[in-house]
Amino acid sequence: MSDVLGEQPFLHPAGRRHHYSNPGYTLLGALVEKVRGASWEEVLRREVLEPLGLDRTSAHPSAPHAGGWAVHPWADVMLPEPTEDLGRMAAAGQLWSTTGDVAKFAAFLAKGDDRVLSAESVREMRTPAAPAEAADVVDGATYGLGMQIQHRDGRLLVGHSGSLPGFLANLTISVADDVAAVVLANCTSGPALSAVGADLVRIVADAEPCFPEPWRPLPEVDADVLELAGQWYWGTHVFALRLTSEGGVSMGPLSGGGRRSRFRANGDGTWTGLEGYYAGELLRAVRRPDGSVSHLDLGSFVFTREPYDEGAPVPGGVDPEGWRGIG
């Protein structure tokens, strides 16, 4: 593929940063064809478009469809943009679609579909996949697996923008608000569609907030896990451990900001952190010889039932004279 990527295909060290590359998507299209033994268009239709019911999405336009236009930068006149087959570069963005189909795709990217990708897999797509550059930190933007990620107006937004001569497109999703915005324009240049999409999400989410899920009791509860629910102290900071509907637990400050995470049950009485500071860390309850709980160990951090519990291995120990006033 040197004719596509050139003689120096690696522009940056592997895993060091994200760099969007149209030739890279061309290579991915060729890889799909090699692995599946069919054109990327056929594979896309069979494995993604048809299962999701995206009947008006294809690599070539079908009537009725909008024509693309270029607007003169200094006069109110237009020039039609020709429809062109991009050939080997088509995998980098040659798709025709509708707002309805893109909205269906947004629902898939938010919740997954086991016929295409599970909810866990699309969640991974929405997870930052490379270290953010300094400019990205300032802008509050980064990149996941094929998805742009940004923080805006206190919301986490995911999606993507795209363009071809004559057309602009943007999909912006707030998974937490269950709101997505689709913005399509048949012009070569125009407003920043990502900003338009973010504004639409904010307006709808603020005006029509989600109804909370109805309360339902957990189907079953392990008594040993229920025993751990409630308040725990790291030093003098109070945290709350709660049972979650997915069979795991969550832990975070009882009030205000701070480190918090959900934890997945491992089936052996331990849990693994899924997000934030504790992502990947092991949470376990340490018990005394009589079976009572001494403390929680979370990646070497000790959480006790009381602040500076004398009966737990508090790092540095506990002053034997205990708590006192100043007299």
Protein backbone atom coordinates (compact mmCIF):
# COMPACT_ATOMS: atom_id res chain seq x y z
CA MET A 1 0.00 0.00 0.00
CA SER A 2 2.95 2.34 -0.48
CA ASP A 3 1.02 3.96 -3.33
CA VAL A 4 -1.58 5.01 -0.72
CA LEU A 5 0.46 5.66 2.43
CA GLY A 6 3.73 6.65 0.81
CA GLU A 7 7.23 5.52 1.67
CA GLN A 8 6.90 6.63 5.31
CA PRO A 9 3.49 5.36 6.45
CA PHE A 10 4.10 5.98 10.18
CA LEU A 11 3.88 9.73 10.82
CA HIS A 12 4.04 9.37 14.60
CA PRO A 13 5.13 6.70 17.12
CA ALA A 14 2.49 3.98 17.53
CA GLY A 15 0.02 4.82 20.30
CA ARG A 16 1.55 8.25 20.97
CA ARG A 17 -1.19 10.41 19.51
CA HIS A 18 -4.26 10.34 17.32
CA HIS A 19 -3.83 11.63 13.78
CA TYR A 20 -6.78 11.48 11.40
CA SER A 21 -5.82 9.96 8.06
CA ASN A 22 -7.94 9.53 4.95
CA PRO A 23 -5.35 7.13 3.47
CA GLY A 24 -5.57 5.18 6.72
CA TYR A 25 -9.28 4.56 6.12
CA THR A 26 -8.45 3.55 2.57
CA LEU A 27 -6.13 0.94 4.02
CA LEU A 28 -8.86 -0.21 6.42
CA GLY A 29 -11.24 -0.63 3.48
CA ALA A 30 -8.65 -2.78 1.69
CA LEU A 31 -8.13 -4.80 4.88
CA VAL A 32 -11.87 -5.46 5.17
CA GLU A 33 -11.94 -6.69 1.59
CA LYS A 34 -8.95 -8.97 2.22
CA VAL A 35 -10.37 -10.49 5.41
CA ARG A 36 -14.01 -10.78 4.30
CA GLY A 37 -13.37 -11.67 0.66
CA ALA A 38 -15.84 -9.06 -0.59
CA SER A 39 -15.84 -5.33 -1.34
CA TRP A 40 -16.01 -2.99 1.66
CA GLU A 41 -19.34 -1.71 0.31
CA GLU A 42 -20.85 -5.21 0.32
CA VAL A 43 -19.47 -6.01 3.76
CA LEU A 44 -20.73 -2.70 5.15
CA ARG A 45 -24.19 -3.30 3.72
CA ARG A 46 -24.40 -6.91 4.92
CA GLU A 47 -22.88 -6.52 8.39
CA VAL A 48 -23.92 -3.00 9.42
CA LEU A 49 -26.47 -1.23 7.22
CA GLU A 50 -29.00 -4.04 6.77
CA PRO A 51 -29.04 -5.23 10.40
CA LEU A 52 -29.56 -1.65 11.60
CA GLY A 53 -32.24 -0.90 9.00
CA LEU A 54 -30.28 1.88 7.29
CA ASP A 55 -32.13 1.44 3.99
CA ARG A 56 -31.25 4.88 2.57
CA THR A 57 -27.49 4.65 3.17
CA SER A 58 -25.20 3.53 0.36
CA ALA A 59 -21.90 4.22 -1.36
CA HIS A 60 -23.69 5.76 -4.34
CA PRO A 61 -26.61 8.21 -4.46
CA SER A 62 -30.14 7.02 -5.13
CA ALA A 63 -32.97 9.36 -6.10
CA PRO A 64 -34.25 11.54 -4.68
CA HIS A 65 -31.10 13.14 -3.32
CA ALA A 66 -29.69 16.62 -2.82
CA GLY A 67 -27.03 17.97 -5.12
CA GLY A 68 -23.84 19.49 -3.76
CA TRP A 69 -22.98 23.14 -4.20
CA ALA A 70 -20.05 25.48 -3.71
CA VAL A 71 -20.97 29.03 -2.67
CA HIS A 72 -18.72 31.81 -3.93
CA PRO A 73 -16.83 33.33 -0.96
CA TRP A 74 -17.36 36.93 -2.16
CA ALA A 75 -20.68 36.81 -4.01
CA ASP A 76 -24.10 35.23 -3.58
CA VAL A 77 -23.71 32.80 -6.45
CA MET A 78 -23.27 29.03 -6.50
CA LEU A 79 -21.38 26.40 -8.48
CA PRO A 80 -22.61 22.79 -8.67
CA GLU A 81 -20.16 20.20 -7.34
CA PRO A 82 -19.91 17.09 -9.53
CA THR A 83 -20.74 13.71 -8.01
CA GLU A 84 -17.58 11.63 -8.13
CA ASP A 85 -16.69 8.03 -7.32
CA LEU A 86 -13.58 8.22 -5.13
CA GLY A 87 -12.31 4.79 -6.13
CA ARG A 88 -9.82 3.38 -3.64
CA MET A 89 -10.35 6.39 -1.37
CA ALA A 90 -14.10 5.73 -1.17
CA ALA A 91 -13.78 3.91 2.16
CA ALA A 92 -12.66 7.20 3.70
CA GLY A 93 -16.10 8.76 3.43
CA GLN A 94 -18.10 8.00 0.28
CA LEU A 95 -21.47 7.34 1.89
CA TRP A 96 -24.83 8.84 1.00
CA SER A 97 -27.43 8.91 3.75
CA THR A 98 -30.39 10.72 5.29
CA THR A 99 -31.05 12.37 8.63
CA GLY A 100 -33.33 9.45 9.53
CA ASP A 101 -30.69 6.83 8.85
CA VAL A 102 -27.97 8.77 10.66
CA ALA A 103 -30.34 9.11 13.65
CA LYS A 104 -30.74 5.31 13.68
CA PHE A 105 -26.97 5.00 13.59
CA ALA A 106 -26.74 7.40 16.54
CA ALA A 107 -29.01 5.12 18.57
CA PHE A 108 -26.70 2.22 17.74
CA LEU A 109 -23.57 4.15 18.77
CA ALA A 110 -25.24 4.99 22.09
CA LYS A 111 -26.68 1.58 23.00
CA GLY A 112 -25.10 -1.01 20.72
CA ASP A 113 -26.80 -3.84 18.86
CA ASP A 114 -25.60 -7.42 19.29
CA ARG A 115 -26.15 -8.07 15.58
CA VAL A 116 -23.38 -5.56 14.85
CA LEU A 117 -21.46 -4.55 18.00
CA SER A 118 -22.35 -5.07 21.64
CA ALA A 119 -23.04 -2.22 24.04
CA GLU A 120 -19.66 -2.89 25.64
CA SER A 121 -17.89 -2.55 22.27
CA VAL A 122 -19.55 0.75 21.34
CA ARG A 123 -18.74 2.00 24.85
CA GLU A 124 -15.11 1.23 24.08
CA MET A 125 -15.42 3.25 20.87
CA ARG A 126 -16.45 6.21 23.03
CA THR A 127 -13.39 5.81 25.30
CA PRO A 128 -10.27 7.93 24.62
CA ALA A 129 -7.79 5.73 22.75
CA ALA A 130 -4.69 7.94 22.64
CA PRO A 131 -3.08 10.56 24.89
CA ALA A 132 -4.49 14.01 24.37
CA GLU A 133 -2.17 16.64 22.92
CA ALA A 134 -1.80 19.99 24.71
CA ALA A 135 -4.16 21.72 22.28
CA ASP A 136 -6.72 18.95 22.78
CA VAL A 137 -6.61 19.44 26.54
CA VAL A 138 -7.32 23.16 26.10
CA ASP A 139 -10.17 22.45 23.67
CA GLY A 140 -11.57 19.63 25.81
CA ALA A 141 -11.47 17.24 22.85
CA THR A 142 -9.88 13.90 22.16
CA TYR A 143 -10.49 10.77 20.09
CA GLY A 144 -11.77 7.28 20.74
CA LEU A 145 -11.95 4.33 18.35
CA GLY A 146 -13.37 6.10 15.31
CA MET A 147 -15.30 8.64 17.39
CA GLN A 148 -14.56 12.24 18.31
CA ILE A 149 -14.98 13.01 22.03
CA GLN A 150 -15.44 16.48 23.50
CA HIS A 151 -16.54 18.15 26.72
CA ARG A 152 -18.86 21.07 26.11
CA ASP A 153 -21.28 22.91 28.38
CA GLY A 154 -20.69 20.34 31.09
CA ARG A 155 -21.61 17.45 28.82
CA LEU A 156 -19.62 14.61 27.31
CA LEU A 157 -20.35 14.56 23.57
CA VAL A 158 -19.30 11.91 21.06
CA GLY A 159 -19.75 11.61 17.32
CA HIS A 160 -18.03 12.66 14.14
CA SER A 161 -17.91 15.24 11.39
CA GLY A 162 -17.24 14.68 7.71
CA SER A 163 -17.06 16.46 4.41
CA LEU A 164 -16.77 15.88 0.69
CA PRO A 165 -16.95 18.45 -2.12
CA GLY A 166 -20.52 19.74 -1.98
CA PHE A 167 -21.47 18.24 1.40
CA LEU A 168 -20.93 18.62 5.15
CA ALA A 169 -22.16 16.28 7.88
CA ASN A 170 -22.06 16.05 11.65
CA LEU A 171 -23.39 13.64 14.27
CA THR A 172 -23.26 14.70 17.93
CA ILE A 173 -24.48 12.46 20.75
CA SER A 174 -24.93 12.96 24.49
CA VAL A 175 -25.36 9.40 25.74
CA ALA A 176 -26.18 10.57 29.27
CA ASP A 177 -29.04 12.76 27.97
CA ASP A 178 -30.17 10.20 25.37
CA VAL A 179 -30.09 12.99 22.77
CA ALA A 180 -28.41 13.11 19.37
CA ALA A 181 -28.23 15.84 16.73
CA VAL A 182 -27.81 15.20 13.00
CA VAL A 183 -26.71 18.17 10.87
CA LEU A 184 -26.37 17.79 7.09
CA ALA A 185 -25.62 20.53 4.56
CA ASN A 186 -25.27 20.33 0.79
CA CYS A 187 -22.49 22.91 0.51
CA THR A 188 -18.73 22.63 0.32
CA SER A 189 -18.12 25.03 3.21
CA GLY A 190 -20.29 26.64 5.81
CA PRO A 191 -20.86 26.93 9.55
CA ALA A 192 -18.97 24.75 12.02
CA LEU A 193 -21.43 21.86 12.10
CA SER A 194 -19.91 20.38 15.25
CA ALA A 195 -20.80 23.59 17.12
CA VAL A 196 -24.30 23.52 15.62
CA GLY A 197 -24.73 19.89 16.67
CA ALA A 198 -23.53 20.59 20.20
CA ASP A 199 -25.90 23.55 20.50
CA LEU A 200 -28.85 21.44 19.32
CA VAL A 201 -28.05 18.73 21.87
CA ARG A 202 -27.82 21.32 24.66
CA ILE A 203 -31.11 23.02 23.67
CA VAL A 204 -33.06 19.76 23.53
CA ALA A 205 -31.47 18.23 26.64
CA ASP A 206 -32.12 21.38 28.69
CA ALA A 207 -35.69 21.81 27.44
CA GLU A 208 -36.67 18.14 27.51
CA PRO A 209 -34.59 16.38 30.19
CA CYS A 210 -34.71 12.59 30.34
CA PHE A 211 -37.27 10.95 32.57
CA PRO A 212 -35.43 9.04 35.29
CA GLU A 213 -35.60 5.29 35.09
CA PRO A 214 -38.37 3.90 37.34
CA TRP A 215 -37.09 2.52 40.61
CA ARG A 216 -36.89 -1.25 40.72
CA PRO A 217 -35.55 -3.44 43.50
CA LEU A 218 -32.53 -5.59 42.70
CA PRO A 219 -33.52 -9.11 41.61
CA GLU A 220 -31.23 -10.69 44.19
CA VAL A 221 -28.63 -9.57 46.73
CA ASP A 222 -25.57 -11.33 48.10
CA ALA A 223 -25.60 -10.82 51.87
CA ASP A 224 -21.79 -10.53 51.96
CA VAL A 225 -21.95 -7.70 49.40
CA LEU A 226 -24.88 -5.97 51.10
CA GLU A 227 -22.80 -5.93 54.29
CA LEU A 228 -20.30 -3.67 52.51
CA ALA A 229 -22.84 -1.04 51.45
CA GLY A 230 -22.72 2.32 53.15
CA GLN A 231 -20.08 4.75 54.30
CA TRP A 232 -16.31 4.20 54.24
CA TYR A 233 -13.50 6.54 55.16
CA TRP A 234 -10.18 7.22 53.48
CA GLY A 235 -8.53 9.30 56.14
CA THR A 236 -11.23 11.80 57.02
CA HIS A 237 -12.85 11.75 53.56
CA VAL A 238 -16.17 9.92 53.58
CA PHE A 239 -17.13 7.70 50.64
CA ALA A 240 -20.26 5.68 49.91
CA LEU A 241 -20.33 2.17 48.47
CA ARG A 242 -23.54 1.26 46.69
CA LEU A 243 -24.80 -1.85 44.91
CA THR A 244 -25.61 -1.38 41.22
CA SER A 245 -28.27 -2.96 39.04
CA GLU A 246 -25.59 -4.63 36.89
CA GLY A 247 -24.46 -6.80 39.80
CA GLY A 248 -21.46 -4.65 40.61
CA VAL A 249 -20.84 -1.79 43.02
CA SER A 250 -20.05 1.90 42.80
CA MET A 251 -17.93 3.99 45.11
CA GLY A 252 -17.48 7.73 45.35
CA PRO A 253 -17.50 10.73 47.71
CA LEU A 254 -20.65 11.01 49.78
CA SER A 255 -20.90 14.65 48.70
CA GLY A 256 -19.03 17.03 46.43
CA GLY A 257 -16.45 16.12 43.81
CA GLY A 258 -13.68 13.57 43.98
CA ARG A 259 -12.62 10.14 42.80
CA ARG A 260 -15.49 7.85 41.94
CA SER A 261 -15.96 4.74 39.84
CA ARG A 262 -18.20 1.83 39.03
CA PHE A 263 -16.79 -1.65 39.62
CA ARG A 264 -17.48 -4.92 37.80
CA ALA A 265 -17.89 -8.07 39.91
CA ASN A 266 -15.19 -10.65 39.18
CA GLY A 267 -17.13 -13.59 40.65
CA ASP A 268 -14.62 -14.23 43.43
CA GLY A 269 -15.63 -11.54 45.90
CA THR A 270 -13.54 -8.84 44.23
CA TRP A 271 -14.40 -6.06 41.81
CA THR A 272 -12.50 -4.27 39.02
CA GLY A 273 -12.78 -0.52 38.45
CA LEU A 274 -14.36 0.50 35.15
CA GLU A 275 -13.66 4.23 34.94
CA GLY A 276 -11.91 7.26 36.30
CA TYR A 277 -9.01 7.15 38.75
CA TYR A 278 -9.77 3.57 39.76
CA ALA A 279 -10.10 2.11 36.24
CA GLY A 280 -8.55 -1.35 36.27
CA GLU A 281 -7.86 -1.29 40.02
CA LEU A 282 -8.95 -4.20 42.23
CA LEU A 283 -11.41 -3.61 45.06
CA ARG A 284 -11.62 -6.27 47.77
CA ALA A 285 -12.95 -6.60 51.28
CA VAL A 286 -10.28 -7.73 53.76
CA ARG A 287 -11.75 -9.83 56.57
CA ARG A 288 -10.50 -10.70 60.02
CA PRO A 289 -10.08 -14.34 61.17
CA ASP A 290 -13.60 -14.24 62.62
CA GLY A 291 -15.05 -13.26 59.22
CA SER A 292 -15.86 -9.64 60.07
CA VAL A 293 -14.76 -6.94 57.64
CA SER A 294 -11.56 -5.15 58.63
CA HIS A 295 -11.32 -2.71 55.71
CA LEU A 296 -11.55 -2.27 51.97
CA ASP A 297 -8.39 -2.43 49.88
CA LEU A 298 -8.71 -0.45 46.65
CA GLY A 299 -5.46 -0.52 44.71
CA SER A 300 -3.50 -0.24 48.02
CA PHE A 301 -5.78 2.54 49.39
CA VAL A 302 -7.28 1.54 52.75
CA PHE A 303 -10.93 2.45 53.44
CA THR A 304 -12.28 1.95 56.97
CA ARG A 305 -15.74 2.06 58.53
CA GLU A 306 -14.70 4.81 60.92
CA PRO A 307 -12.15 7.58 60.32
CA TYR A 308 -8.77 6.28 61.51
CA ASP A 309 -10.27 3.00 62.75
CA GLU A 310 -7.94 1.54 65.38
CA GLY A 311 -8.89 -1.98 64.35
CA ALA A 312 -7.75 -1.55 60.73
CA PRO A 313 -4.26 -1.27 59.21
CA VAL A 314 -4.37 2.49 58.63
CA PRO A 315 -1.16 3.54 56.83
CA GLY A 316 1.12 5.22 59.37
CA GLY A 317 -0.92 3.86 62.27
CA VAL A 318 -3.35 5.60 64.63
CA ASP A 319 -2.28 7.76 67.55
CA PRO A 320 -3.01 5.63 70.66
CA GLU A 321 -4.48 8.63 72.53
CA GLY A 322 -7.19 8.91 69.87
CA TRP A 323 -9.27 11.94 68.98
CA ARG A 324 -9.04 14.93 71.34
CA GLY A 325 -9.78 18.58 71.65
CA ILE A 326 -7.35 21.39 72.30
CA GLY A 327 -7.30 22.39 75.94
